[in-house]
């Protein structure tokens, strides 16, 4: 019974509601009119034998993954999440490099990736090249901003500049309007 209820009822019991999406994020997700795919690239296999500086990211990865899963839940089926562990010389590693994700060498063959690629149905691609720990408090903002700018491109601003000259009583004195 508990197993079934736990998947239907979700509760964030952290002190700062770390795993609860804001109302603004929920509104953006509720307004999605096209499916988007989020690809989280994380070299989890490489972190097993990596130095402590790299293994440190395992906990951070779990947090980012949990937040992205919340996006999927609140998107009404419009967000698809793929978790990718790019192995050396694989198509996934080539894709991570092609999308411009930052990589760090662990060994001569093994690279470390921890980034996000967003793709819309209309072909828009946006990335977070690397999840840095100093942006941990802004994860939701960064991901939501990425989604919003991908599905709602900024409007083009057009300015009209008109220069009119009006003749005043003195022929040598002109005033701009």
N, C-alpha and C. Protein backbone atom coordinates (compact mmCIF):
# COMPACT_ATOMS: atom_id res chain seq x y z
N UNK A 1 0.83 -1.19 0.00
CA UNK A 1 0.00 0.00 0.00
C UNK A 1 0.87 1.25 0.00
N UNK A 2 1.89 1.25 0.85
CA UNK A 2 2.76 2.41 0.94
C UNK A 2 3.48 2.66 -0.38
N UNK A 3 3.90 1.59 -1.05
CA UNK A 3 4.58 1.74 -2.33
C UNK A 3 3.71 2.41 -3.36
N UNK A 4 2.44 2.06 -3.41
CA UNK A 4 1.53 2.68 -4.37
C UNK A 4 1.22 4.12 -4.00
N UNK A 5 1.04 4.36 -2.72
CA UNK A 5 0.75 5.72 -2.28
C UNK A 5 1.93 6.65 -2.48
N UNK A 6 3.14 6.13 -2.28
CA UNK A 6 4.32 6.99 -2.40
C UNK A 6 4.50 7.52 -3.82
N UNK A 7 4.07 6.77 -4.82
CA UNK A 7 4.20 7.27 -6.18
C UNK A 7 3.09 8.24 -6.53
N UNK A 8 1.94 8.13 -5.86
CA UNK A 8 0.83 9.05 -6.13
C UNK A 8 0.95 10.33 -5.31
N UNK A 9 1.40 10.22 -4.09
CA UNK A 9 1.55 11.38 -3.22
C UNK A 9 3.02 11.68 -3.07
N UNK A 10 3.37 12.89 -3.34
CA UNK A 10 4.76 13.31 -3.20
C UNK A 10 4.79 14.45 -2.20
N UNK A 11 5.75 14.41 -1.31
CA UNK A 11 5.90 15.45 -0.33
C UNK A 11 7.36 15.84 -0.21
N UNK A 12 7.58 17.14 -0.18
CA UNK A 12 8.92 17.67 0.03
C UNK A 12 9.01 18.09 1.49
N UNK A 13 9.75 17.32 2.28
CA UNK A 13 9.83 17.61 3.70
C UNK A 13 11.14 18.30 4.07
N UNK A 14 11.86 18.80 3.06
CA UNK A 14 13.08 19.55 3.36
C UNK A 14 12.70 20.91 3.94
N UNK A 15 13.57 21.46 4.74
CA UNK A 15 13.27 22.71 5.43
C UNK A 15 13.00 23.86 4.47
N UNK A 16 13.73 23.92 3.38
CA UNK A 16 13.57 25.01 2.42
C UNK A 16 12.80 24.59 1.16
N UNK A 17 12.11 23.46 1.22
CA UNK A 17 11.36 22.95 0.06
C UNK A 17 12.24 22.87 -1.18
N UNK A 18 13.37 22.24 -1.04
CA UNK A 18 14.36 22.17 -2.12
C UNK A 18 13.84 21.46 -3.36
N UNK A 19 12.91 20.54 -3.19
CA UNK A 19 12.43 19.74 -4.31
C UNK A 19 11.04 20.16 -4.77
N UNK A 20 10.59 21.35 -4.36
CA UNK A 20 9.29 21.86 -4.75
C UNK A 20 9.48 22.98 -5.75
N UNK A 21 8.83 22.86 -6.90
CA UNK A 21 8.94 23.88 -7.94
C UNK A 21 8.08 25.08 -7.59
N UNK A 22 8.56 26.26 -7.96
CA UNK A 22 7.84 27.50 -7.68
C UNK A 22 6.59 27.58 -8.56
N UNK A 23 5.70 28.50 -8.17
CA UNK A 23 4.48 28.70 -8.95
C UNK A 23 4.79 29.21 -10.36
N UNK A 24 5.81 30.05 -10.47
CA UNK A 24 6.20 30.55 -11.79
C UNK A 24 6.66 29.43 -12.72
N UNK A 25 7.46 28.53 -12.17
CA UNK A 25 7.91 27.38 -12.97
C UNK A 25 6.74 26.50 -13.36
N UNK A 26 5.85 26.27 -12.43
CA UNK A 26 4.66 25.45 -12.74
C UNK A 26 3.80 26.10 -13.82
N UNK A 27 3.70 27.42 -13.78
CA UNK A 27 2.92 28.13 -14.80
C UNK A 27 3.56 27.98 -16.17
N UNK A 28 4.87 28.11 -16.23
CA UNK A 28 5.57 27.95 -17.51
C UNK A 28 5.40 26.53 -18.03
N UNK A 29 5.55 25.54 -17.14
CA UNK A 29 5.38 24.14 -17.56
C UNK A 29 3.94 23.87 -17.99
N UNK A 30 2.98 24.46 -17.29
CA UNK A 30 1.57 24.27 -17.65
C UNK A 30 1.22 24.93 -18.97
N UNK A 31 1.97 25.94 -19.37
CA UNK A 31 1.71 26.64 -20.62
C UNK A 31 2.45 26.09 -21.82
N UNK A 32 3.20 25.02 -21.66
CA UNK A 32 3.93 24.45 -22.79
C UNK A 32 2.97 23.97 -23.86
N UNK A 33 3.25 24.35 -25.10
CA UNK A 33 2.40 23.94 -26.23
C UNK A 33 3.14 23.01 -27.19
N UNK A 34 4.37 22.71 -26.88
CA UNK A 34 5.14 21.78 -27.69
C UNK A 34 6.00 20.92 -26.78
N UNK A 35 6.20 19.67 -27.16
CA UNK A 35 7.04 18.80 -26.32
C UNK A 35 8.50 19.25 -26.36
N UNK A 36 9.17 19.08 -25.24
CA UNK A 36 10.61 19.34 -25.18
C UNK A 36 11.30 18.14 -24.58
N UNK A 37 12.54 17.97 -24.97
CA UNK A 37 13.37 16.88 -24.44
C UNK A 37 14.53 17.48 -23.67
N UNK A 38 14.70 17.01 -22.46
CA UNK A 38 15.84 17.40 -21.63
C UNK A 38 16.79 16.22 -21.58
N UNK A 39 18.04 16.44 -21.95
CA UNK A 39 19.05 15.39 -21.88
C UNK A 39 20.09 15.80 -20.84
N UNK A 40 20.12 15.05 -19.75
CA UNK A 40 21.08 15.31 -18.69
C UNK A 40 22.28 14.42 -18.92
N UNK A 41 23.40 15.04 -19.21
CA UNK A 41 24.65 14.32 -19.44
C UNK A 41 25.44 14.32 -18.14
N UNK A 42 25.70 13.12 -17.65
CA UNK A 42 26.52 12.98 -16.44
C UNK A 42 27.33 11.70 -16.56
N UNK A 43 28.63 11.79 -16.41
CA UNK A 43 29.52 10.66 -16.57
C UNK A 43 29.58 9.88 -15.26
N UNK A 44 28.49 9.21 -14.93
CA UNK A 44 28.38 8.50 -13.66
C UNK A 44 29.35 7.33 -13.56
N UNK A 45 29.52 6.58 -14.61
CA UNK A 45 30.42 5.43 -14.58
C UNK A 45 31.85 5.86 -14.29
N UNK A 46 32.26 6.98 -14.85
CA UNK A 46 33.63 7.46 -14.66
C UNK A 46 33.87 7.96 -13.24
N UNK A 47 32.82 8.36 -12.55
CA UNK A 47 33.01 8.91 -11.21
C UNK A 47 33.30 7.83 -10.17
N UNK A 48 33.08 6.57 -10.50
CA UNK A 48 33.31 5.49 -9.54
C UNK A 48 34.77 5.46 -9.10
N UNK A 49 35.70 5.55 -10.03
CA UNK A 49 37.13 5.50 -9.70
C UNK A 49 37.82 6.86 -9.84
N UNK A 50 37.03 7.91 -9.92
CA UNK A 50 37.59 9.25 -10.13
C UNK A 50 38.11 9.84 -8.81
N UNK A 51 38.89 10.89 -8.91
CA UNK A 51 39.36 11.57 -7.69
C UNK A 51 38.18 12.18 -6.93
N UNK A 52 38.44 12.54 -5.68
CA UNK A 52 37.39 13.08 -4.82
C UNK A 52 36.74 14.33 -5.40
N UNK A 53 37.50 15.15 -6.13
CA UNK A 53 36.94 16.36 -6.72
C UNK A 53 35.82 16.04 -7.69
N UNK A 54 35.90 14.92 -8.36
CA UNK A 54 34.87 14.51 -9.31
C UNK A 54 33.74 13.77 -8.59
N UNK A 55 34.08 12.88 -7.67
CA UNK A 55 33.05 12.14 -6.94
C UNK A 55 32.15 13.06 -6.13
N UNK A 56 32.65 14.23 -5.78
CA UNK A 56 31.87 15.23 -5.08
C UNK A 56 30.57 15.54 -5.83
N UNK A 57 30.60 15.46 -7.15
CA UNK A 57 29.44 15.81 -7.97
C UNK A 57 28.32 14.77 -7.92
N UNK A 58 28.55 13.57 -7.38
CA UNK A 58 27.50 12.56 -7.34
C UNK A 58 26.27 13.03 -6.58
N UNK A 59 26.46 13.66 -5.44
CA UNK A 59 25.33 14.15 -4.65
C UNK A 59 24.63 15.28 -5.39
N UNK A 60 25.41 16.16 -5.97
CA UNK A 60 24.85 17.27 -6.73
C UNK A 60 24.06 16.75 -7.93
N UNK A 61 24.57 15.73 -8.59
CA UNK A 61 23.87 15.11 -9.71
C UNK A 61 22.52 14.56 -9.26
N UNK A 62 22.49 13.88 -8.11
CA UNK A 62 21.23 13.33 -7.59
C UNK A 62 20.20 14.44 -7.38
N UNK A 63 20.66 15.58 -6.88
CA UNK A 63 19.77 16.72 -6.66
C UNK A 63 19.24 17.26 -7.98
N UNK A 64 20.12 17.47 -8.95
CA UNK A 64 19.70 18.01 -10.25
C UNK A 64 18.73 17.03 -10.93
N UNK A 65 19.02 15.76 -10.85
CA UNK A 65 18.15 14.74 -11.45
C UNK A 65 16.77 14.77 -10.80
N UNK A 66 16.72 14.88 -9.48
CA UNK A 66 15.43 14.93 -8.77
C UNK A 66 14.63 16.16 -9.18
N UNK A 67 15.29 17.30 -9.32
CA UNK A 67 14.60 18.52 -9.76
C UNK A 67 14.05 18.34 -11.18
N UNK A 68 14.85 17.75 -12.07
CA UNK A 68 14.39 17.53 -13.44
C UNK A 68 13.21 16.56 -13.48
N UNK A 69 13.20 15.59 -12.60
CA UNK A 69 12.06 14.67 -12.53
C UNK A 69 10.80 15.40 -12.10
N UNK A 70 10.94 16.43 -11.26
CA UNK A 70 9.79 17.26 -10.88
C UNK A 70 9.27 18.02 -12.10
N UNK A 71 10.16 18.47 -12.95
CA UNK A 71 9.74 19.14 -14.19
C UNK A 71 8.90 18.19 -15.04
N UNK A 72 9.32 16.96 -15.14
CA UNK A 72 8.58 15.98 -15.94
C UNK A 72 7.19 15.77 -15.34
N UNK A 73 7.12 15.63 -14.03
CA UNK A 73 5.84 15.38 -13.35
C UNK A 73 4.86 16.53 -13.56
N UNK A 74 5.34 17.77 -13.50
CA UNK A 74 4.45 18.93 -13.57
C UNK A 74 4.24 19.46 -14.98
N UNK A 75 4.73 18.76 -15.99
CA UNK A 75 4.63 19.26 -17.36
C UNK A 75 3.47 18.70 -18.15
N UNK A 76 2.65 17.89 -17.55
CA UNK A 76 1.51 17.27 -18.26
C UNK A 76 1.95 16.52 -19.51
N UNK A 77 3.07 15.82 -19.42
CA UNK A 77 3.55 15.01 -20.53
C UNK A 77 4.31 15.76 -21.60
N UNK A 78 4.59 17.04 -21.39
CA UNK A 78 5.26 17.84 -22.41
C UNK A 78 6.79 17.82 -22.27
N UNK A 79 7.31 17.34 -21.15
CA UNK A 79 8.76 17.29 -20.95
C UNK A 79 9.18 15.83 -20.83
N UNK A 80 10.17 15.47 -21.62
CA UNK A 80 10.75 14.13 -21.59
C UNK A 80 12.18 14.27 -21.09
N UNK A 81 12.56 13.44 -20.14
CA UNK A 81 13.90 13.50 -19.55
C UNK A 81 14.68 12.26 -19.95
N UNK A 82 15.87 12.48 -20.47
CA UNK A 82 16.79 11.38 -20.79
C UNK A 82 18.06 11.58 -19.96
N UNK A 83 18.50 10.52 -19.31
CA UNK A 83 19.74 10.55 -18.55
C UNK A 83 20.80 9.83 -19.39
N UNK A 84 21.89 10.52 -19.68
CA UNK A 84 22.91 9.96 -20.56
C UNK A 84 24.25 9.92 -19.84
N UNK A 85 24.87 8.75 -19.87
CA UNK A 85 26.20 8.54 -19.28
C UNK A 85 27.17 8.36 -20.45
N UNK A 86 27.78 9.47 -20.91
CA UNK A 86 28.64 9.37 -22.09
C UNK A 86 29.94 8.61 -21.81
N UNK A 87 30.09 7.51 -22.48
CA UNK A 87 31.30 6.68 -22.34
C UNK A 87 32.32 7.10 -23.39
N UNK A 88 33.59 6.81 -23.15
CA UNK A 88 34.63 7.21 -24.10
C UNK A 88 34.37 6.64 -25.50
N UNK A 89 34.58 7.48 -26.50
CA UNK A 89 34.48 7.12 -27.92
C UNK A 89 33.08 6.67 -28.32
N UNK A 90 32.07 7.08 -27.59
CA UNK A 90 30.70 6.69 -27.92
C UNK A 90 29.98 7.83 -28.66
N UNK A 91 28.84 7.51 -29.23
CA UNK A 91 28.02 8.52 -29.89
C UNK A 91 27.52 9.56 -28.88
N UNK A 92 27.27 9.11 -27.66
CA UNK A 92 26.81 10.02 -26.61
C UNK A 92 27.89 11.04 -26.27
N UNK A 93 29.15 10.59 -26.20
CA UNK A 93 30.24 11.52 -25.92
C UNK A 93 30.41 12.51 -27.07
N UNK A 94 30.31 12.04 -28.28
CA UNK A 94 30.40 12.94 -29.44
C UNK A 94 29.27 13.96 -29.44
N UNK A 95 28.06 13.51 -29.06
CA UNK A 95 26.93 14.43 -28.99
C UNK A 95 27.16 15.49 -27.92
N UNK A 96 27.67 15.09 -26.76
CA UNK A 96 27.95 16.05 -25.68
C UNK A 96 28.96 17.10 -26.14
N UNK A 97 29.97 16.66 -26.85
CA UNK A 97 30.97 17.59 -27.37
C UNK A 97 30.35 18.51 -28.42
N UNK A 98 29.53 17.94 -29.30
CA UNK A 98 28.88 18.71 -30.37
C UNK A 98 27.95 19.78 -29.79
N UNK A 99 27.27 19.48 -28.69
CA UNK A 99 26.38 20.45 -28.05
C UNK A 99 27.14 21.50 -27.24
N UNK A 100 28.44 21.33 -27.12
CA UNK A 100 29.23 22.33 -26.42
C UNK A 100 29.28 22.17 -24.91
N UNK A 101 28.98 20.97 -24.42
CA UNK A 101 29.07 20.75 -22.98
C UNK A 101 30.53 20.74 -22.56
N UNK A 102 30.80 21.31 -21.39
CA UNK A 102 32.17 21.35 -20.90
C UNK A 102 32.60 19.97 -20.45
N UNK A 103 33.84 19.64 -20.73
CA UNK A 103 34.37 18.34 -20.33
C UNK A 103 35.67 18.54 -19.59
N UNK A 104 35.89 17.63 -18.67
CA UNK A 104 37.12 17.65 -17.89
C UNK A 104 37.74 16.26 -18.01
N UNK A 105 39.02 16.22 -18.27
CA UNK A 105 39.71 14.94 -18.43
C UNK A 105 39.93 14.30 -17.06
N UNK A 106 39.52 13.04 -16.96
CA UNK A 106 39.77 12.25 -15.75
C UNK A 106 41.01 11.39 -15.98
N UNK A 107 41.02 10.72 -17.14
CA UNK A 107 42.18 9.95 -17.58
C UNK A 107 42.44 10.34 -19.03
N UNK A 108 43.36 9.64 -19.66
CA UNK A 108 43.63 9.94 -21.08
C UNK A 108 42.41 9.67 -21.94
N UNK A 109 41.62 8.67 -21.58
CA UNK A 109 40.46 8.33 -22.39
C UNK A 109 39.15 8.86 -21.83
N UNK A 110 39.06 8.99 -20.54
CA UNK A 110 37.79 9.31 -19.88
C UNK A 110 37.63 10.80 -19.64
N UNK A 111 36.47 11.32 -20.05
CA UNK A 111 36.11 12.72 -19.82
C UNK A 111 34.93 12.78 -18.86
N UNK A 112 34.84 13.88 -18.13
CA UNK A 112 33.74 14.09 -17.20
C UNK A 112 32.82 15.17 -17.75
N UNK A 113 31.53 14.85 -17.87
CA UNK A 113 30.50 15.78 -18.33
C UNK A 113 29.43 15.89 -17.27
N UNK A 114 28.87 17.09 -17.12
CA UNK A 114 27.72 17.30 -16.25
C UNK A 114 26.98 18.52 -16.75
N UNK A 115 26.15 18.32 -17.77
CA UNK A 115 25.44 19.42 -18.39
C UNK A 115 24.07 19.01 -18.87
N UNK A 116 23.34 19.96 -19.40
CA UNK A 116 21.97 19.72 -19.83
C UNK A 116 21.78 20.26 -21.24
N UNK A 117 21.09 19.48 -22.07
CA UNK A 117 20.73 19.91 -23.42
C UNK A 117 19.22 19.88 -23.52
N UNK A 118 18.64 20.99 -23.97
CA UNK A 118 17.19 21.08 -24.17
C UNK A 118 16.93 21.17 -25.66
N UNK A 119 15.99 20.38 -26.15
CA UNK A 119 15.60 20.47 -27.55
C UNK A 119 14.09 20.52 -27.64
N UNK A 120 13.60 21.44 -28.49
CA UNK A 120 12.17 21.55 -28.71
C UNK A 120 11.79 20.79 -29.97
N UNK A 121 10.51 20.61 -30.13
CA UNK A 121 9.99 19.93 -31.32
C UNK A 121 10.28 20.73 -32.58
N UNK A 122 10.42 22.05 -32.42
CA UNK A 122 10.67 22.92 -33.57
C UNK A 122 12.15 23.11 -33.88
N UNK A 123 13.02 22.37 -33.18
CA UNK A 123 14.45 22.38 -33.49
C UNK A 123 15.30 23.36 -32.71
N UNK A 124 14.73 24.03 -31.73
CA UNK A 124 15.52 24.94 -30.90
C UNK A 124 16.33 24.11 -29.91
N UNK A 125 17.62 24.41 -29.80
CA UNK A 125 18.51 23.71 -28.87
C UNK A 125 19.16 24.73 -27.96
N UNK A 126 19.08 24.48 -26.66
CA UNK A 126 19.71 25.34 -25.65
C UNK A 126 20.46 24.42 -24.69
N UNK A 127 21.50 24.95 -24.06
CA UNK A 127 22.30 24.12 -23.17
C UNK A 127 22.67 24.85 -21.87
N UNK A 128 22.90 24.05 -20.86
CA UNK A 128 23.63 24.46 -19.68
C UNK A 128 24.92 23.66 -19.79
N UNK A 129 26.03 24.28 -20.19
CA UNK A 129 27.25 23.53 -20.49
C UNK A 129 27.82 22.75 -19.30
N UNK A 130 27.61 23.27 -18.08
CA UNK A 130 28.13 22.56 -16.90
C UNK A 130 27.39 23.06 -15.67
N UNK A 131 26.96 22.14 -14.84
CA UNK A 131 26.31 22.51 -13.58
C UNK A 131 27.40 22.76 -12.54
N UNK A 132 27.63 24.02 -12.25
CA UNK A 132 28.66 24.36 -11.26
C UNK A 132 28.02 24.45 -9.88
N UNK A 133 28.75 24.01 -8.86
CA UNK A 133 28.20 24.04 -7.50
C UNK A 133 27.82 25.43 -7.02
N UNK A 134 28.47 26.47 -7.52
CA UNK A 134 28.13 27.82 -7.06
C UNK A 134 26.77 28.28 -7.57
N UNK A 135 26.17 27.57 -8.53
CA UNK A 135 24.83 27.89 -9.04
C UNK A 135 23.75 26.97 -8.46
N UNK A 136 24.10 26.19 -7.46
CA UNK A 136 23.16 25.21 -6.90
C UNK A 136 21.86 25.87 -6.43
N UNK A 137 21.94 27.04 -5.83
CA UNK A 137 20.73 27.72 -5.35
C UNK A 137 19.88 28.28 -6.49
N UNK A 138 20.42 28.28 -7.70
CA UNK A 138 19.71 28.85 -8.84
C UNK A 138 19.35 27.81 -9.90
N UNK A 139 19.41 26.54 -9.52
CA UNK A 139 19.14 25.46 -10.48
C UNK A 139 17.76 25.62 -11.11
N UNK A 140 16.75 25.80 -10.30
CA UNK A 140 15.40 25.92 -10.85
C UNK A 140 15.29 27.13 -11.77
N UNK A 141 15.85 28.24 -11.38
CA UNK A 141 15.82 29.44 -12.22
C UNK A 141 16.51 29.17 -13.56
N UNK A 142 17.71 28.58 -13.51
CA UNK A 142 18.47 28.34 -14.74
C UNK A 142 17.72 27.42 -15.70
N UNK A 143 17.14 26.35 -15.17
CA UNK A 143 16.42 25.39 -16.02
C UNK A 143 15.14 26.01 -16.57
N UNK A 144 14.40 26.71 -15.72
CA UNK A 144 13.15 27.33 -16.16
C UNK A 144 13.43 28.42 -17.20
N UNK A 145 14.48 29.20 -16.99
CA UNK A 145 14.86 30.23 -17.96
C UNK A 145 15.20 29.59 -19.30
N UNK A 146 15.91 28.47 -19.25
CA UNK A 146 16.28 27.75 -20.47
C UNK A 146 15.03 27.30 -21.22
N UNK A 147 14.08 26.74 -20.50
CA UNK A 147 12.83 26.28 -21.12
C UNK A 147 12.05 27.46 -21.69
N UNK A 148 11.91 28.50 -20.90
CA UNK A 148 11.11 29.65 -21.32
C UNK A 148 11.69 30.32 -22.56
N UNK A 149 13.00 30.50 -22.61
CA UNK A 149 13.61 31.14 -23.78
C UNK A 149 13.61 30.23 -25.00
N UNK A 150 13.54 28.93 -24.79
CA UNK A 150 13.50 28.01 -25.93
C UNK A 150 12.11 27.96 -26.57
N UNK A 151 11.06 28.00 -25.75
CA UNK A 151 9.71 27.89 -26.31
C UNK A 151 9.08 29.25 -26.58
N UNK A 152 9.62 30.30 -25.97
CA UNK A 152 9.13 31.66 -26.19
C UNK A 152 10.30 32.55 -26.56
N UNK A 153 10.74 32.48 -27.82
CA UNK A 153 11.90 33.30 -28.20
C UNK A 153 11.58 34.78 -27.97
N UNK A 154 12.61 35.55 -27.66
CA UNK A 154 12.36 36.97 -27.40
C UNK A 154 11.79 37.66 -28.64
N UNK A 155 10.87 38.56 -28.37
CA UNK A 155 10.24 39.29 -29.46
C UNK A 155 11.27 40.26 -30.06
N UNK A 156 11.21 40.40 -31.35
CA UNK A 156 12.10 41.32 -32.04
C UNK A 156 11.56 42.73 -31.85
N UNK A 157 12.41 43.61 -31.39
CA UNK A 157 12.00 44.99 -31.18
C UNK A 157 12.38 45.81 -32.40
N UNK A 158 11.43 46.55 -32.86
CA UNK A 158 11.65 47.41 -34.01
C UNK A 158 11.45 48.85 -33.55
N UNK A 159 12.41 49.66 -33.85
CA UNK A 159 12.31 51.07 -33.50
C UNK A 159 12.17 51.90 -34.76
N UNK A 160 11.38 52.93 -34.68
CA UNK A 160 11.20 53.83 -35.81
C UNK A 160 11.78 55.17 -35.41
N UNK A 161 12.70 55.60 -36.20
CA UNK A 161 13.34 56.89 -35.96
C UNK A 161 12.96 57.82 -37.09
N UNK A 162 12.38 58.91 -36.73
CA UNK A 162 11.95 59.86 -37.73
C UNK A 162 12.57 61.21 -37.39
N UNK A 163 13.06 61.86 -38.38
CA UNK A 163 13.66 63.16 -38.18
C UNK A 163 12.89 64.16 -39.03
N UNK A 164 12.23 65.05 -38.35
CA UNK A 164 11.47 66.09 -39.05
C UNK A 164 12.04 67.44 -38.68
N UNK A 165 12.15 68.28 -39.63
CA UNK A 165 12.62 69.63 -39.38
C UNK A 165 11.47 70.59 -39.61
N UNK A 166 11.30 71.52 -38.67
CA UNK A 166 10.24 72.50 -38.79
C UNK A 166 10.90 73.88 -38.89
N UNK A 167 10.45 74.64 -39.82
CA UNK A 167 11.00 75.97 -40.04
C UNK A 167 10.32 76.95 -39.08
N UNK A 168 11.15 77.67 -38.33
CA UNK A 168 10.62 78.66 -37.40
C UNK A 168 10.80 80.03 -38.06
N UNK A 169 10.30 81.03 -37.45
CA UNK A 169 10.27 82.36 -38.05
C UNK A 169 11.63 82.83 -38.57
N UNK A 170 12.71 82.50 -37.91
CA UNK A 170 14.01 82.94 -38.40
C UNK A 170 14.55 81.87 -39.33
N UNK A 171 14.98 82.19 -40.51
CA UNK A 171 15.43 81.18 -41.47
C UNK A 171 16.68 80.43 -41.03
N UNK A 172 17.49 81.01 -40.15
CA UNK A 172 18.72 80.32 -39.74
C UNK A 172 18.53 79.44 -38.51
N UNK A 173 17.39 79.48 -37.91
CA UNK A 173 17.16 78.73 -36.68
C UNK A 173 16.16 77.60 -36.94
N UNK A 174 16.63 76.38 -36.76
CA UNK A 174 15.77 75.22 -36.95
C UNK A 174 15.64 74.46 -35.63
N UNK A 175 14.54 73.85 -35.42
CA UNK A 175 14.33 73.09 -34.21
C UNK A 175 13.95 71.66 -34.58
N UNK A 176 14.56 70.73 -33.89
CA UNK A 176 14.24 69.31 -34.13
C UNK A 176 13.06 68.90 -33.27
N UNK A 177 12.28 68.02 -33.84
CA UNK A 177 11.15 67.45 -33.09
C UNK A 177 11.34 65.95 -33.05
